[in-house]
Amino acid sequence: MEIDLPAEDDPRRIEVRAWFTAHAHPSPRELVEAGYVVPHWPRPYGLDADPAMQLIIEDELRRAGVSKPVNPIGIGHCGPILVALASEEQKVRYLWPMLSGEELWCQLFSEPGAGSDLASLTTRAVRDGDVYIVNGQKIWTSLAHVAKFGILIARTRTGGTKHTGISYFIIAMDSPGIEIRPIRSMTGEGGFGFNEVFFTDVRVPAENLIGEENLGWGMAKTTLANERVSLSTGGGLQWGFGPSARDLVAFFADRGGLDDVHRQEVVDAYIDGEILRYHRMRMISAAVNKKPGPDASLRKALADPHGRRVFTLAKDLMGAHGMLDTNGRLGSEWDHGFLFSPALTIGGGTSEVLRNIIAERLLGLPHDQVAN
């Protein structure tokens, strides 16, 4: 596997760089129309880009100081399902404003009694003419308080196995009968906070059904796979965002003064980070852009404990200052990350669930046997 980026004189790089020269401050819509927001998606939304082209675009975005529109759940989790299975009318209506960040999305999956065992969900959607009537509750829904739309899975048929009779919907978050209650966390964050969402006789147009009724479980699994890809990309320790192990190493390389034990801990963190970076390149160069598979679960299972270790190490190395909410380079972002890090091994699939997926789908081990 080649790790290095294509050369400076690569024609594709020259073309992308020329575009950013001509569009020094591109609008989100211009980035979308150029195909640079999701280059691996099919046209007209992306460029059908191969891994090398994707890396070129990411590199040139950084060089130009340009950020993509922020809509992590919409673009990372919901969008691929809509591209694959939505009607043309649904694609035209929802994908363009999703990609430009004009309309934020959330994911309405987990329930109080159906988190890791998502197929045990009890939220119901009953067909009534040209609408579905939805009743139930979701929890841990990031961005629900600011989202315009959500993807919802609900039970549309009882009987049979718990994986059958589940359907997949688009739902407007300002629909009558939806109540959103924020869940306060110790990070004090508001923008990406968690929420409880309650549905009381919410009317969802039948045209908002994605794919076929009662066949939503397969789509839900694909969404979760996309989520694990999304939550495990990039170099940041918080699901691809925030500081990295490299940032920690750079700070202490400049500062010095570490004893031998702490020096080795920093080196170990750097090595782990580099292994994960190479694994990400392997994912990109393989089939992850075609259909996310169990490899995404493997990366997330490795990356999330790494994030917790590095944030904890950062606080330890700060000594007494680590007990304060400081504003230095090893300050607020590390404080926030340390408080948020316990969520890393839970959100988007707990470490226990991921290990089961790895055991069964990568190692070929048998499924758990249910005792009689």
Protein backbone atom coordinates (compact mmCIF):
# COMPACT_ATOMS: atom_id res chain seq x y z
CA MET A 1 0.00 0.00 0.00
CA GLU A 2 1.30 3.45 -0.95
CA ILE A 3 1.11 5.95 1.90
CA ASP A 4 2.61 9.07 0.36
CA LEU A 5 0.31 11.59 -1.29
CA PRO A 6 0.49 12.06 -5.07
CA ALA A 7 3.36 14.31 -6.14
CA GLU A 8 3.20 18.10 -6.39
CA ASP A 9 3.24 17.91 -10.20
CA ASP A 10 0.45 15.33 -10.39
CA PRO A 11 -2.04 16.69 -12.99
CA ARG A 12 -4.97 16.03 -10.67
CA ARG A 13 -3.38 18.03 -7.89
CA ILE A 14 -2.58 20.88 -10.26
CA GLU A 15 -6.22 20.97 -11.39
CA VAL A 16 -7.60 21.00 -7.83
CA ARG A 17 -5.11 23.64 -6.72
CA ALA A 18 -6.03 25.82 -9.69
CA TRP A 19 -9.68 25.61 -8.66
CA PHE A 20 -8.88 26.85 -5.16
CA THR A 21 -6.75 29.63 -6.64
CA ALA A 22 -9.74 30.73 -8.72
CA HIS A 23 -12.08 30.32 -5.71
CA ALA A 24 -10.05 31.75 -2.85
CA HIS A 25 -13.06 31.91 -0.53
CA PRO A 26 -15.53 29.35 -1.90
CA SER A 27 -19.05 29.24 -0.54
CA PRO A 28 -20.39 25.94 0.78
CA ARG A 29 -22.58 25.57 -2.29
CA GLU A 30 -19.57 26.12 -4.61
CA LEU A 31 -17.67 23.38 -2.78
CA VAL A 32 -20.64 21.06 -3.15
CA GLU A 33 -21.08 21.77 -6.85
CA ALA A 34 -17.36 21.18 -7.43
CA GLY A 35 -17.74 17.75 -5.82
CA TYR A 36 -15.19 18.51 -3.10
CA VAL A 37 -17.44 17.92 -0.07
CA VAL A 38 -18.02 14.20 -0.74
CA PRO A 39 -15.68 13.41 -3.65
CA HIS A 40 -16.16 9.64 -3.23
CA TRP A 41 -19.92 9.92 -3.81
CA PRO A 42 -21.31 9.39 -7.31
CA ARG A 43 -21.98 12.33 -9.56
CA PRO A 44 -23.60 14.82 -9.47
CA TYR A 45 -22.96 15.04 -5.70
CA GLY A 46 -19.36 13.84 -5.80
CA LEU A 47 -16.71 12.91 -8.32
CA ASP A 48 -16.61 9.10 -8.08
CA ALA A 49 -13.11 9.83 -6.81
CA ASP A 50 -10.64 7.04 -6.14
CA PRO A 51 -8.67 7.05 -2.85
CA ALA A 52 -5.73 8.98 -4.33
CA MET A 53 -8.00 11.74 -5.61
CA GLN A 54 -9.76 11.95 -2.25
CA LEU A 55 -6.44 12.43 -0.49
CA ILE A 56 -5.42 15.11 -2.99
CA ILE A 57 -8.64 17.03 -2.34
CA GLU A 58 -8.26 16.75 1.45
CA ASP A 59 -4.65 17.93 1.19
CA GLU A 60 -5.51 20.89 -1.04
CA LEU A 61 -8.41 21.90 1.22
CA ARG A 62 -5.94 22.14 4.11
CA ARG A 63 -3.43 24.03 1.97
CA ALA A 64 -6.07 26.56 0.93
CA GLY A 65 -7.34 26.94 4.50
CA VAL A 66 -10.85 25.96 3.42
CA SER A 67 -13.24 24.01 5.63
CA LYS A 68 -16.02 21.79 4.40
CA PRO A 69 -19.61 22.50 5.47
CA VAL A 70 -20.30 21.07 8.92
CA ASN A 71 -23.16 18.56 8.96
CA PRO A 72 -21.55 15.44 10.43
CA ILE A 73 -24.60 13.27 10.91
CA GLY A 74 -26.29 14.34 7.69
CA ILE A 75 -23.27 13.88 5.44
CA GLY A 76 -21.58 11.07 7.33
CA HIS A 77 -24.53 8.91 8.39
CA CYS A 78 -27.72 9.79 6.51
CA GLY A 79 -26.51 10.91 3.10
CA PRO A 80 -25.11 7.58 1.86
CA ILE A 81 -28.45 5.86 2.46
CA LEU A 82 -30.32 8.57 0.57
CA VAL A 83 -27.88 8.33 -2.34
CA ALA A 84 -28.36 4.57 -2.53
CA LEU A 85 -32.07 4.13 -1.85
CA ALA A 86 -33.99 7.40 -1.87
CA SER A 87 -36.26 8.37 -4.75
CA GLU A 88 -35.05 10.99 -7.19
CA GLU A 89 -37.48 13.49 -5.66
CA GLN A 90 -36.07 12.82 -2.20
CA LYS A 91 -32.49 13.18 -3.44
CA VAL A 92 -33.18 16.52 -5.10
CA ARG A 93 -35.05 17.83 -2.06
CA TYR A 94 -32.68 16.75 0.70
CA LEU A 95 -29.14 16.10 -0.53
CA TRP A 96 -28.08 19.51 -1.83
CA PRO A 97 -28.98 21.52 1.31
CA MET A 98 -27.58 18.66 3.42
CA LEU A 99 -24.20 18.80 1.69
CA SER A 100 -23.99 22.59 1.88
CA GLY A 101 -24.80 22.53 5.61
CA GLU A 102 -27.95 24.60 5.13
CA GLU A 103 -30.10 21.92 6.79
CA LEU A 104 -28.65 19.98 9.71
CA TRP A 105 -29.65 16.38 10.36
CA CYS A 106 -29.83 14.06 13.35
CA GLN A 107 -30.13 10.30 13.78
CA LEU A 108 -33.09 8.93 15.74
CA PHE A 109 -32.02 5.37 16.52
CA SER A 110 -31.20 4.58 20.17
CA GLU A 111 -33.93 4.15 22.77
CA PRO A 112 -33.81 3.78 26.57
CA GLY A 113 -34.32 0.03 26.19
CA ALA A 114 -32.63 -0.38 22.80
CA GLY A 115 -29.15 1.06 22.67
CA SER A 116 -26.58 -1.64 21.98
CA ASP A 117 -29.45 -3.98 21.11
CA LEU A 118 -30.98 -1.56 18.63
CA ALA A 119 -33.29 -4.12 17.01
CA SER A 120 -35.29 -4.24 20.26
CA LEU A 121 -36.68 -0.76 19.56
CA THR A 122 -40.32 -0.13 20.46
CA THR A 123 -41.11 3.20 18.75
CA ARG A 124 -44.09 2.49 16.48
CA ALA A 125 -45.11 3.94 13.12
CA VAL A 126 -48.65 2.94 12.13
CA ARG A 127 -49.89 3.58 8.59
CA ASP A 128 -53.01 5.75 8.43
CA GLY A 129 -53.85 6.60 4.86
CA ASP A 130 -51.12 8.77 3.40
CA VAL A 131 -49.28 9.26 6.72
CA TYR A 132 -47.64 7.21 9.45
CA ILE A 133 -48.51 7.97 13.08
CA VAL A 134 -45.36 7.76 15.21
CA ASN A 135 -45.29 7.22 18.97
CA GLY A 136 -42.27 6.45 21.11
CA GLN A 137 -39.00 7.82 22.46
CA LYS A 138 -35.39 8.16 21.31
CA ILE A 139 -32.34 9.07 23.38
CA TRP A 140 -28.72 10.22 22.95
CA THR A 141 -29.73 12.07 19.79
CA SER A 142 -26.94 14.47 18.91
CA LEU A 143 -27.99 17.78 17.29
CA ALA A 144 -31.71 17.07 17.68
CA HIS A 145 -32.17 20.55 19.19
CA VAL A 146 -30.83 22.27 16.05
CA ALA A 147 -31.56 19.73 13.30
CA LYS A 148 -34.03 20.43 10.52
CA PHE A 149 -34.52 16.74 9.68
CA GLY A 150 -33.77 13.37 11.18
CA ILE A 151 -33.58 9.78 10.03
CA LEU A 152 -35.91 7.64 12.12
CA ILE A 153 -36.23 3.90 12.46
CA ALA A 154 -39.51 2.66 13.88
CA ARG A 155 -41.42 -0.60 14.06
CA THR A 156 -44.12 -0.83 11.41
CA ARG A 157 -45.02 -4.48 11.93
CA THR A 158 -45.11 -6.72 14.99
CA GLY A 159 -44.50 -10.44 15.02
CA GLY A 160 -41.62 -12.35 13.53
CA THR A 161 -38.04 -11.74 14.59
CA LYS A 162 -37.04 -8.42 16.14
CA HIS A 163 -35.04 -7.53 13.02
CA THR A 164 -38.10 -7.64 10.76
CA GLY A 165 -40.88 -5.09 10.59
CA ILE A 166 -38.59 -2.06 11.01
CA SER A 167 -38.90 0.87 8.59
CA TYR A 168 -36.69 3.85 7.82
CA PHE A 169 -38.08 7.39 7.56
CA ILE A 170 -37.14 11.02 7.05
CA ILE A 171 -38.83 13.16 9.69
CA ALA A 172 -39.05 16.94 10.03
CA MET A 173 -37.89 17.84 13.53
CA ASP A 174 -40.38 20.70 13.84
CA SER A 175 -43.37 18.37 13.35
CA PRO A 176 -46.21 18.77 15.85
CA GLY A 177 -45.97 16.15 18.59
CA ILE A 178 -42.17 16.12 18.82
CA GLU A 179 -40.68 17.17 22.16
CA ILE A 180 -36.91 17.60 22.52
CA ARG A 181 -35.24 17.64 25.93
CA PRO A 182 -31.50 18.33 26.18
CA ILE A 183 -29.33 15.99 28.24
CA ARG A 184 -26.81 17.99 30.22
CA SER A 185 -23.28 16.63 30.17
CA MET A 186 -20.22 17.47 32.25
CA THR A 187 -18.56 19.11 29.23
CA GLY A 188 -21.24 21.80 29.27
CA GLU A 189 -21.40 21.72 25.48
CA GLY A 190 -24.42 22.97 23.59
CA GLY A 191 -23.67 22.67 19.88
CA PHE A 192 -23.16 18.90 19.68
CA GLY A 193 -25.09 17.96 22.80
CA PHE A 194 -27.25 14.92 23.39
CA ASN A 195 -31.04 14.98 23.60
CA GLU A 196 -34.08 12.92 24.42
CA VAL A 197 -36.79 13.03 21.76
CA PHE A 198 -40.42 12.11 22.43
CA PHE A 199 -43.00 11.36 19.71
CA THR A 200 -46.70 11.71 20.46
CA ASP A 201 -48.99 11.02 17.48
CA VAL A 202 -46.48 12.57 15.08
CA ARG A 203 -47.73 12.50 11.49
CA VAL A 204 -45.04 11.54 8.99
CA PRO A 205 -45.98 11.65 5.28
CA ALA A 206 -45.82 8.24 3.64
CA GLU A 207 -43.62 9.77 0.95
CA ASN A 208 -40.93 10.15 3.64
CA LEU A 209 -40.44 6.38 3.81
CA ILE A 210 -37.02 5.36 2.47
CA GLY A 211 -36.95 2.09 0.56
CA GLU A 212 -39.58 -0.52 1.31
CA GLU A 213 -41.74 -0.76 4.40
CA ASN A 214 -40.55 -3.30 6.98
CA LEU A 215 -37.09 -3.62 5.36
CA GLY A 216 -35.38 -0.86 7.28
CA TRP A 217 -33.06 -2.99 9.41
CA GLY A 218 -30.58 -3.49 6.58
CA MET A 219 -30.50 0.26 6.02
CA ALA A 220 -30.04 0.86 9.74
CA LYS A 221 -27.02 -1.47 9.78
CA THR A 222 -25.52 0.37 6.82
CA THR A 223 -26.09 3.70 8.58
CA LEU A 224 -24.32 2.38 11.68
CA ALA A 225 -21.42 1.23 9.51
CA ASN A 226 -21.25 4.70 7.94
CA GLU A 227 -21.36 6.19 11.44
CA ARG A 228 -18.40 4.10 12.52
CA VAL A 229 -16.47 5.21 9.45
CA SER A 230 -17.41 8.82 10.20
CA LEU A 231 -16.55 8.55 13.89
CA SER A 232 -13.19 6.96 13.16
CA THR A 233 -11.86 9.19 10.38
CA GLY A 234 -9.28 11.92 10.56
CA GLY A 235 -6.46 12.36 13.04
CA GLY A 236 -8.35 14.06 15.86
CA LEU A 237 -8.89 12.11 19.05
CA GLN A 238 -12.59 12.98 19.32
CA TRP A 239 -14.03 10.97 16.43
CA GLY A 240 -11.76 12.72 13.95
CA PHE A 241 -11.97 16.18 15.54
CA GLY A 242 -9.82 18.05 18.03
CA PRO A 243 -6.16 17.50 18.86
CA SER A 244 -4.17 14.38 18.00
CA ALA A 245 -1.32 12.44 19.55
CA ARG A 246 0.98 14.36 17.20
CA ASP A 247 -0.15 17.61 18.84
CA LEU A 248 0.70 16.21 22.25
CA VAL A 249 4.14 15.12 21.08
CA ALA A 250 4.83 18.48 19.41
CA PHE A 251 4.05 20.39 22.59
CA PHE A 252 6.35 18.36 24.80
CA ALA A 253 9.07 18.20 22.16
CA ASP A 254 9.23 22.01 22.39
CA ARG A 255 8.80 22.13 26.14
CA GLY A 256 11.03 19.28 27.22
CA GLY A 257 11.54 18.42 30.86
CA LEU A 258 9.85 14.99 30.80
CA ASP A 259 11.29 12.19 32.88
CA ASP A 260 12.06 8.85 31.25
CA VAL A 261 8.73 7.27 32.18
CA HIS A 262 6.62 10.11 30.82
CA ARG A 263 8.82 10.38 27.74
CA GLN A 264 8.12 6.73 26.94
CA GLU A 265 4.38 7.25 27.46
CA VAL A 266 4.39 10.12 24.96
CA VAL A 267 6.35 8.00 22.47
CA ASP A 268 3.88 5.13 22.90
CA ALA A 269 0.98 7.52 22.25
CA TYR A 270 2.68 8.75 19.08
CA ILE A 271 3.27 5.20 17.83
CA ASP A 272 -0.36 4.26 18.45
CA GLY A 273 -1.50 7.37 16.60
CA GLU A 274 0.70 6.55 13.61
CA ILE A 275 -0.62 2.98 13.47
CA LEU A 276 -4.16 4.35 13.39
CA ARG A 277 -3.21 6.85 10.68
CA TYR A 278 -1.88 4.03 8.52
CA HIS A 279 -4.97 1.97 9.21
CA ARG A 280 -7.11 4.87 8.02
CA MET A 281 -5.11 4.97 4.79
CA ARG A 282 -5.71 1.24 4.42
CA MET A 283 -9.44 1.76 4.87
CA ILE A 284 -9.49 4.47 2.23
CA SER A 285 -7.47 2.40 -0.22
CA ALA A 286 -9.78 -0.59 0.28
CA ALA A 287 -13.54 -0.81 -0.10
CA VAL A 288 -14.70 1.62 2.58
CA ASN A 289 -15.92 4.15 0.03
CA LYS A 290 -18.00 1.55 -1.77
CA LYS A 291 -19.68 -0.11 1.19
CA PRO A 292 -18.54 0.27 4.81
CA GLY A 293 -17.73 -3.06 6.37
CA PRO A 294 -16.44 -4.53 9.63
CA ASP A 295 -13.06 -2.84 9.11
CA ALA A 296 -14.72 0.39 10.26
CA SER A 297 -15.62 -1.32 13.53
CA LEU A 298 -12.01 -2.42 13.92
CA ARG A 299 -10.68 1.10 13.51
CA LYS A 300 -13.23 2.55 15.93
CA ALA A 301 -12.46 -0.18 18.46
CA LEU A 302 -8.78 0.83 18.27
CA ALA A 303 -9.18 4.59 17.99
CA ASP A 304 -11.55 5.26 20.88
CA PRO A 305 -9.45 3.72 23.70
CA HIS A 306 -6.46 5.49 22.16
CA GLY A 307 -8.32 8.80 22.49
CA ARG A 308 -9.09 8.15 26.13
CA ARG A 309 -5.48 7.21 26.86
CA VAL A 310 -4.04 10.30 25.19
CA PHE A 311 -6.44 12.73 26.87
CA THR A 312 -5.72 11.16 30.24
CA LEU A 313 -1.98 11.32 29.54
CA ALA A 314 -2.26 15.00 28.60
CA LYS A 315 -3.93 15.82 31.91
CA ASP A 316 -1.34 13.78 33.84
CA LEU A 317 1.54 15.57 32.12
CA MET A 318 0.05 18.94 33.00
CA GLY A 319 0.56 18.15 36.66
CA ALA A 320 -1.32 20.41 39.06
CA HIS A 321 -2.35 22.60 36.13
CA GLY A 322 -4.32 19.63 34.81
CA MET A 323 -6.88 20.22 37.56
CA LEU A 324 -7.63 23.68 36.19
CA ASP A 325 -9.58 24.86 33.16
CA THR A 326 -6.67 26.61 31.47
CA ASN A 327 -6.45 28.55 28.23
CA GLY A 328 -3.02 27.50 26.99
CA ARG A 329 -2.15 25.16 24.17
CA LEU A 330 -2.64 22.24 26.52
CA GLY A 331 -5.71 23.99 27.87
CA SER A 332 -9.35 24.13 26.94
CA GLU A 333 -9.34 21.60 24.10
CA TRP A 334 -7.60 19.03 26.27
CA ASP A 335 -9.85 19.79 29.25
CA HIS A 336 -12.92 19.34 27.08
CA GLY A 337 -11.51 16.20 25.49
CA PHE A 338 -10.69 14.65 28.85
CA LEU A 339 -14.27 15.17 30.05
CA PHE A 340 -15.75 13.97 26.75
CA SER A 341 -13.46 10.96 26.32
CA PRO A 342 -15.63 8.47 28.29
CA ALA A 343 -18.25 8.88 25.55
CA LEU A 344 -15.80 7.77 22.87
CA THR A 345 -16.09 4.08 23.71
CA ILE A 346 -19.90 4.24 23.92
CA GLY A 347 -21.23 6.48 21.14
CA GLY A 348 -21.59 4.97 17.68
CA GLY A 349 -21.28 1.42 19.01
CA THR A 350 -19.90 0.35 22.37
CA SER A 351 -16.52 -1.34 22.55
CA GLU A 352 -18.27 -4.59 23.51
CA VAL A 353 -20.52 -4.52 20.44
CA LEU A 354 -17.58 -3.69 18.18
CA ARG A 355 -15.58 -6.62 19.53
CA ASN A 356 -18.48 -8.96 18.73
CA ILE A 357 -18.59 -7.63 15.17
CA ILE A 358 -14.82 -8.06 14.79
CA ALA A 359 -14.97 -11.59 16.22
CA GLU A 360 -17.81 -12.73 14.00
CA ARG A 361 -17.24 -10.84 10.75
CA LEU A 362 -13.46 -10.48 10.63
CA LEU A 363 -12.23 -13.52 12.57
CA GLY A 364 -15.05 -15.87 11.58
CA LEU A 365 -15.86 -16.89 15.15
CA PRO A 366 -19.34 -18.29 15.86
CA HIS A 367 -22.22 -16.15 17.08
CA ASP A 368 -23.04 -16.09 20.77
CA GLN A 369 -25.16 -19.04 21.73
CA VAL A 370 -28.38 -18.19 23.57
CA ALA A 371 -28.88 -20.45 26.59
CA ASN A 372 -32.13 -22.41 26.61
